């Protein structure tokens, strides 16, 4: 029997999925209907979209949005790393302070926080440094929060730092404890271990969610109207629509700019992840599967097992 099937190759018959084909066809048709209807619907104001998409005011506002995102994320990443290290510190006071910060900023809406930072100069018109209930050493007017752009950056960064700290902490905890034990065996301090051993290895885990946070921050900048700051992309679009009475086209314009920026960030995130994932043992199932041999190989093995069992 084994000789009859010698050299006979296995014919792989793909499994059919009619429901997948049906669902795909329905989705494509629904998308086509929506696109055709939207293109013919005058309420979208496509002429105004083309008029304002490259308007100088819109492009300048888009640049402000990018600046807000960049400055806020840089501060948030640095502060988040510091908070994550504080959370892992053996000092209970340091750990408690970091936990309290994260609890407050994660537990309250970012819009409410931005409103607070917008009026903080009214609550604290003068800042003092010194010992409580005694004559202050230094006293100066609170001019920092009178600059709405700076206030927006600070408000966004302080909120994002709470989330970044948890991302960084998860990355630090993903590093095997043996790495820290080896560092202690080399007489490295806790700070040196974090700086030279743990943090570099944790970057592979930290990078992907950080990219998502950057994209999220780009869209969160639209909330700076709570401060109120109106020179960002959404603020300028809303201001133009209030004058021209064309809210829908300006919303589409702002959305297209946001989509452009997020698409670029997603591409950059992909290459950064690929860079840090080198040597991490990524699994690629399509390349790891062995080639299918002739049927005789499998049949011979089974027949040999049967004959051995009979003996």
Protein backbone atom coordinates (compact mmCIF):
# COMPACT_ATOMS: atom_id res chain seq x y z
CA UNK A 1 0.00 0.00 0.00
CA UNK A 2 2.83 2.33 0.83
CA UNK A 3 4.49 1.56 -2.51
CA UNK A 4 1.31 2.43 -4.44
CA UNK A 5 1.25 5.92 -2.94
CA UNK A 6 4.97 6.53 -3.37
CA UNK A 7 5.61 9.98 -4.80
CA UNK A 8 1.96 11.00 -4.58
CA UNK A 9 1.74 14.70 -3.65
CA UNK A 10 -0.88 16.15 -1.31
CA UNK A 11 -3.43 18.30 -3.11
CA UNK A 12 -4.37 21.19 -0.83
CA UNK A 13 -7.96 22.31 -1.35
CA UNK A 14 -8.62 25.78 0.13
CA UNK A 15 -11.55 26.01 2.51
CA UNK A 16 -14.34 28.11 1.07
CA UNK A 17 -15.84 30.95 3.10
CA UNK A 18 -19.02 32.13 1.35
CA UNK A 19 -20.08 34.33 4.27
CA UNK A 20 -16.80 36.23 4.11
CA UNK A 21 -17.35 36.97 0.44
CA UNK A 22 -20.93 38.04 1.08
CA UNK A 23 -19.97 40.36 3.93
CA UNK A 24 -17.14 41.86 1.87
CA UNK A 25 -19.48 42.54 -1.05
CA UNK A 26 -22.06 44.16 1.25
CA UNK A 27 -19.41 46.40 2.84
CA UNK A 28 -18.00 47.47 -0.52
CA UNK A 29 -21.47 48.27 -1.84
CA UNK A 30 -22.35 50.24 1.30
CA UNK A 31 -19.12 52.24 1.01
CA UNK A 32 -19.75 52.92 -2.67
CA UNK A 33 -23.30 54.11 -1.96
CA UNK A 34 -22.07 56.44 0.79
CA UNK A 35 -19.29 57.93 -1.35
CA UNK A 36 -21.59 58.50 -4.34
CA UNK A 37 -24.28 60.05 -2.14
CA UNK A 38 -21.78 62.29 -0.34
CA UNK A 39 -20.27 63.47 -3.62
CA UNK A 40 -23.70 64.50 -4.91
CA UNK A 41 -25.00 66.04 -1.69
CA UNK A 42 -24.72 69.84 -1.71
CA UNK A 43 -24.94 70.11 2.08
CA UNK A 44 -21.33 68.96 2.37
CA UNK A 45 -20.22 72.08 0.50
CA UNK A 46 -17.39 70.54 -1.50
CA UNK A 47 -16.73 73.84 -3.25
CA UNK A 48 -16.01 75.47 0.11
CA UNK A 49 -13.85 72.50 1.10
CA UNK A 50 -11.67 73.08 -1.95
CA UNK A 51 -11.62 76.80 -1.22
CA UNK A 52 -10.40 76.55 2.37
CA UNK A 53 -8.36 73.32 2.39
CA UNK A 54 -5.14 75.23 1.56
CA UNK A 55 -6.18 78.55 3.04
CA UNK A 56 -3.25 80.35 4.67
CA UNK A 57 -5.10 80.65 7.99
CA UNK A 58 -5.80 76.91 8.02
CA UNK A 59 -2.21 75.95 7.18
CA UNK A 60 -0.84 78.24 9.90
CA UNK A 61 -3.30 76.76 12.39
CA UNK A 62 -2.21 73.26 11.35
CA UNK A 63 1.38 74.24 12.16
CA UNK A 64 0.28 75.45 15.60
CA UNK A 65 -1.43 72.10 16.18
CA UNK A 66 1.79 70.27 15.32
CA UNK A 67 3.74 72.51 17.70
CA UNK A 68 1.29 71.87 20.52
CA UNK A 69 1.56 68.12 19.91
CA UNK A 70 5.35 68.10 19.76
CA UNK A 71 6.01 70.26 22.82
CA UNK A 72 3.36 68.56 24.95
CA UNK A 73 4.54 65.04 24.06
CA UNK A 74 8.22 65.79 24.71
CA UNK A 75 7.40 67.11 28.18
CA UNK A 76 4.95 64.26 28.82
CA UNK A 77 7.46 61.56 27.84
CA UNK A 78 10.19 62.97 30.08
CA UNK A 79 7.82 63.50 33.00
CA UNK A 80 6.16 60.12 32.41
CA UNK A 81 9.54 58.36 32.54
CA UNK A 82 10.33 60.15 35.80
CA UNK A 83 6.95 59.20 37.30
CA UNK A 84 7.34 55.57 36.23
CA UNK A 85 10.74 55.34 37.90
CA UNK A 86 9.28 56.97 41.00
CA UNK A 87 6.47 54.37 41.03
CA UNK A 88 9.10 51.61 41.03
CA UNK A 89 11.28 53.31 43.62
CA UNK A 90 11.90 51.46 46.91
CA UNK A 91 11.22 54.76 48.71
CA UNK A 92 7.54 54.68 49.86
CA UNK A 93 7.24 58.49 49.95
CA UNK A 94 8.47 58.88 46.37
CA UNK A 95 6.21 56.05 45.24
CA UNK A 96 3.18 57.61 46.98
CA UNK A 97 3.76 61.04 45.42
CA UNK A 98 3.90 59.50 41.94
CA UNK A 99 0.75 57.47 42.60
CA UNK A 100 -1.12 60.57 43.82
CA UNK A 101 -0.16 62.52 40.69
CA UNK A 102 -1.30 59.71 38.39
CA UNK A 103 -4.52 59.26 40.35
CA UNK A 104 -5.48 62.93 40.01
CA UNK A 105 -4.61 63.44 36.34
CA UNK A 106 -6.01 60.13 35.14
CA UNK A 107 -9.14 60.47 37.24
CA UNK A 108 -10.28 63.86 35.95
CA UNK A 109 -11.28 64.81 32.37
CA UNK A 110 -8.63 66.58 30.33
CA UNK A 111 -11.18 69.24 29.33
CA UNK A 112 -11.79 70.10 33.00
CA UNK A 113 -8.05 70.26 33.60
CA UNK A 114 -7.57 72.66 30.68
CA UNK A 115 -10.34 74.90 32.02
CA UNK A 116 -8.56 74.96 35.39
CA UNK A 117 -5.21 75.85 33.83
CA UNK A 118 -6.93 78.62 31.90
CA UNK A 119 -8.04 80.33 35.13
CA UNK A 120 -5.09 79.38 37.36
CA UNK A 121 -3.58 82.86 36.90
CA UNK A 122 -6.73 84.27 38.54
CA UNK A 123 -6.46 81.84 41.46
CA UNK A 124 -2.73 82.39 41.94
CA UNK A 125 -1.95 85.90 40.62
CA UNK A 126 1.27 85.95 42.66
CA UNK A 127 3.62 83.01 43.19
CA UNK A 128 5.81 82.85 46.29
CA UNK A 129 8.66 80.60 47.36
CA UNK A 130 9.54 80.20 51.02
CA UNK A 131 8.55 78.60 54.31
CA UNK A 132 4.76 78.58 54.98
CA UNK A 133 3.43 81.18 57.45
CA UNK A 134 6.68 83.14 57.18
CA UNK A 135 7.96 85.94 54.98
CA UNK A 136 8.44 84.52 51.44
CA UNK A 137 11.94 84.42 50.02
CA UNK A 138 10.85 85.14 46.45
CA UNK A 139 7.61 86.63 45.17
CA UNK A 140 6.70 87.26 41.53
CA UNK A 141 3.61 87.73 39.37
CA UNK A 142 2.20 84.65 37.67
CA UNK A 143 2.85 85.64 34.07
CA UNK A 144 3.45 82.08 32.85
CA UNK A 145 -0.21 81.18 32.54
CA UNK A 146 -1.17 84.45 30.88
CA UNK A 147 0.37 83.06 27.68
CA UNK A 148 -2.40 80.82 26.37
CA UNK A 149 -0.09 78.77 24.12
CA UNK A 150 2.23 77.95 27.03
CA UNK A 151 -0.78 77.19 29.21
CA UNK A 152 -2.11 74.76 26.59
CA UNK A 153 1.24 72.97 26.33
CA UNK A 154 1.51 72.65 30.12
CA UNK A 155 -2.07 71.44 30.51
CA UNK A 156 -1.79 68.83 27.77
CA UNK A 157 1.63 67.64 28.93
CA UNK A 158 0.69 67.23 32.59
CA UNK A 159 -2.34 65.16 31.66
CA UNK A 160 -0.49 63.00 29.15
CA UNK A 161 2.38 62.38 31.58
CA UNK A 162 0.06 60.36 33.81
CA UNK A 163 -0.73 57.97 30.95
CA UNK A 164 2.85 57.85 29.70
CA UNK A 165 4.03 56.87 33.18
CA UNK A 166 1.86 53.75 33.09
CA UNK A 167 3.10 52.87 29.61
CA UNK A 168 6.72 53.29 30.69
CA UNK A 169 6.12 51.37 33.91
CA UNK A 170 4.63 48.46 31.95
CA UNK A 171 7.70 48.47 29.72
CA UNK A 172 10.07 48.51 32.68
CA UNK A 173 8.24 45.64 34.36
CA UNK A 174 8.46 43.59 31.16
CA UNK A 175 12.23 43.32 31.52
CA UNK A 176 13.27 40.07 33.16
CA UNK A 177 14.26 40.35 36.82
CA UNK A 178 17.44 38.47 36.02
CA UNK A 179 18.72 41.60 34.28
CA UNK A 180 18.46 43.56 37.53
CA UNK A 181 20.05 40.74 39.51
CA UNK A 182 22.97 40.65 37.10
CA UNK A 183 23.34 44.42 37.44
CA UNK A 184 23.43 44.17 41.23
CA UNK A 185 26.06 41.45 40.91
CA UNK A 186 28.15 43.97 38.97
CA UNK A 187 27.77 46.45 41.86
CA UNK A 188 25.56 48.79 39.84
CA UNK A 189 23.24 51.09 41.76
CA UNK A 190 19.46 51.09 41.27
CA UNK A 191 19.67 54.26 39.19
CA UNK A 192 22.45 52.87 36.99
CA UNK A 193 20.48 49.66 36.50
CA UNK A 194 17.44 51.61 35.32
CA UNK A 195 19.46 53.89 33.06
CA UNK A 196 21.83 51.44 31.40
CA UNK A 197 20.04 48.08 31.60
CA UNK A 198 16.28 48.22 32.12
CA UNK A 199 15.17 51.31 30.16
CA UNK A 200 16.98 50.43 26.89
CA UNK A 201 15.44 46.94 26.87
CA UNK A 202 11.99 48.29 27.75
CA UNK A 203 11.86 50.57 24.71
CA UNK A 204 10.59 47.72 22.52
CA UNK A 205 7.46 47.56 24.70
CA UNK A 206 7.16 51.32 25.24
CA UNK A 207 7.37 52.50 21.62
CA UNK A 208 4.09 51.08 20.14
CA UNK A 209 1.68 52.57 22.72
CA UNK A 210 3.69 55.79 22.75
CA UNK A 211 3.03 56.16 19.03
CA UNK A 212 -0.66 55.77 19.72
CA UNK A 213 -0.45 58.44 22.43
CA UNK A 214 1.19 60.87 19.99
CA UNK A 215 -1.68 60.36 17.55
CA UNK A 216 -4.17 60.78 20.39
CA UNK A 217 -2.42 63.97 21.53
CA UNK A 218 -2.67 65.42 18.03
CA UNK A 219 -6.45 65.08 18.21
CA UNK A 220 -6.67 66.15 21.86
CA UNK A 221 -5.22 69.54 20.93
CA UNK A 222 -8.70 70.43 19.67
CA UNK A 223 -9.75 70.72 23.33
CA UNK A 224 -7.51 73.73 23.99
CA UNK A 225 -10.58 75.86 23.28
CA UNK A 226 -11.32 75.30 26.98
CA UNK A 227 -8.39 77.56 27.98
CA UNK A 228 -9.49 79.34 25.67
CA UNK A 229 -6.95 79.07 22.82
CA UNK A 230 -8.34 79.48 19.32
CA UNK A 231 -5.27 79.49 17.06
CA UNK A 232 -5.13 75.72 16.60
CA UNK A 233 -6.55 73.86 13.60
CA UNK A 234 -9.99 73.23 15.06
CA UNK A 235 -10.22 76.71 16.62
CA UNK A 236 -9.41 78.52 13.37
CA UNK A 237 -11.76 76.28 11.38
CA UNK A 238 -14.54 76.99 13.83
CA UNK A 239 -13.81 80.72 13.69
CA UNK A 240 -13.98 80.82 9.90
CA UNK A 241 -17.21 78.82 9.86
CA UNK A 242 -18.76 81.24 12.35
CA UNK A 243 -18.15 84.08 9.89
CA UNK A 244 -19.05 82.28 6.67
CA UNK A 245 -21.90 80.20 8.15
CA UNK A 246 -20.44 77.03 6.59
CA UNK A 247 -19.71 74.73 9.54
CA UNK A 248 -19.80 71.41 7.65
CA UNK A 249 -17.18 72.25 4.97
CA UNK A 250 -14.80 73.66 7.59
CA UNK A 251 -15.22 70.56 9.74
CA UNK A 252 -14.32 68.46 6.71
CA UNK A 253 -11.28 70.66 6.08
CA UNK A 254 -10.07 70.23 9.66
CA UNK A 255 -10.72 66.48 9.50
CA UNK A 256 -8.69 66.12 6.30
CA UNK A 257 -5.72 67.88 7.90
CA UNK A 258 -5.99 65.68 11.00
CA UNK A 259 -6.15 62.58 8.79
CA UNK A 260 -3.05 63.71 6.91
CA UNK A 261 -1.05 64.19 10.09
CA UNK A 262 -2.22 60.97 11.72
CA UNK A 263 -1.40 58.99 8.57
CA UNK A 264 2.14 60.35 8.54
CA UNK A 265 2.53 59.55 12.24
CA UNK A 266 1.27 56.00 11.69
CA UNK A 267 3.87 55.42 8.98
CA UNK A 268 6.60 56.81 11.22
CA UNK A 269 5.39 54.65 14.09
CA UNK A 270 5.63 51.55 11.89
CA UNK A 271 9.28 52.15 11.02
CA UNK A 272 10.22 53.04 14.60
CA UNK A 273 8.60 49.83 15.87
CA UNK A 274 10.45 47.88 13.20
CA UNK A 275 13.71 49.51 14.27
CA UNK A 276 13.34 48.64 17.96
CA UNK A 277 11.93 45.16 17.28
CA UNK A 278 15.10 43.94 15.58
CA UNK A 279 16.47 40.87 17.28
CA UNK A 280 13.37 40.40 19.44
CA UNK A 281 12.43 37.09 17.85
CA UNK A 282 9.35 38.17 15.93
CA UNK A 283 7.23 35.25 14.85
CA UNK A 284 6.34 35.00 11.18
CA UNK A 285 4.07 32.03 10.74
CA UNK A 286 3.97 32.21 6.99
CA UNK A 287 7.73 31.66 6.81
CA UNK A 288 8.07 29.18 9.64
CA UNK A 289 5.74 26.53 8.21
CA UNK A 290 7.67 23.65 6.61
CA UNK A 291 6.93 22.77 2.98
CA UNK A 292 4.40 20.00 2.44
CA UNK A 293 6.08 16.82 1.25
CA UNK A 294 4.67 13.92 -0.74
CA UNK A 295 1.88 11.86 0.74
CA UNK A 296 4.10 8.78 0.73
CA UNK A 297 6.24 10.22 3.54
CA UNK A 298 3.27 10.54 5.88
CA UNK A 299 1.78 7.21 4.77
CA UNK A 300 5.06 5.36 5.28
CA UNK A 301 5.37 6.69 8.81
CA UNK A 302 1.82 5.61 9.66
CA UNK A 303 2.26 2.13 8.10
CA UNK A 304 5.51 1.59 9.97
CA UNK A 305 3.80 2.48 13.25
CA UNK A 306 0.96 0.04 12.49
CA UNK A 307 3.36 -2.78 11.62
CA UNK A 308 5.39 -2.17 14.79
CA UNK A 309 2.18 -2.35 16.81
CA UNK A 310 1.21 -5.69 15.26
CA UNK A 311 4.60 -7.16 16.05
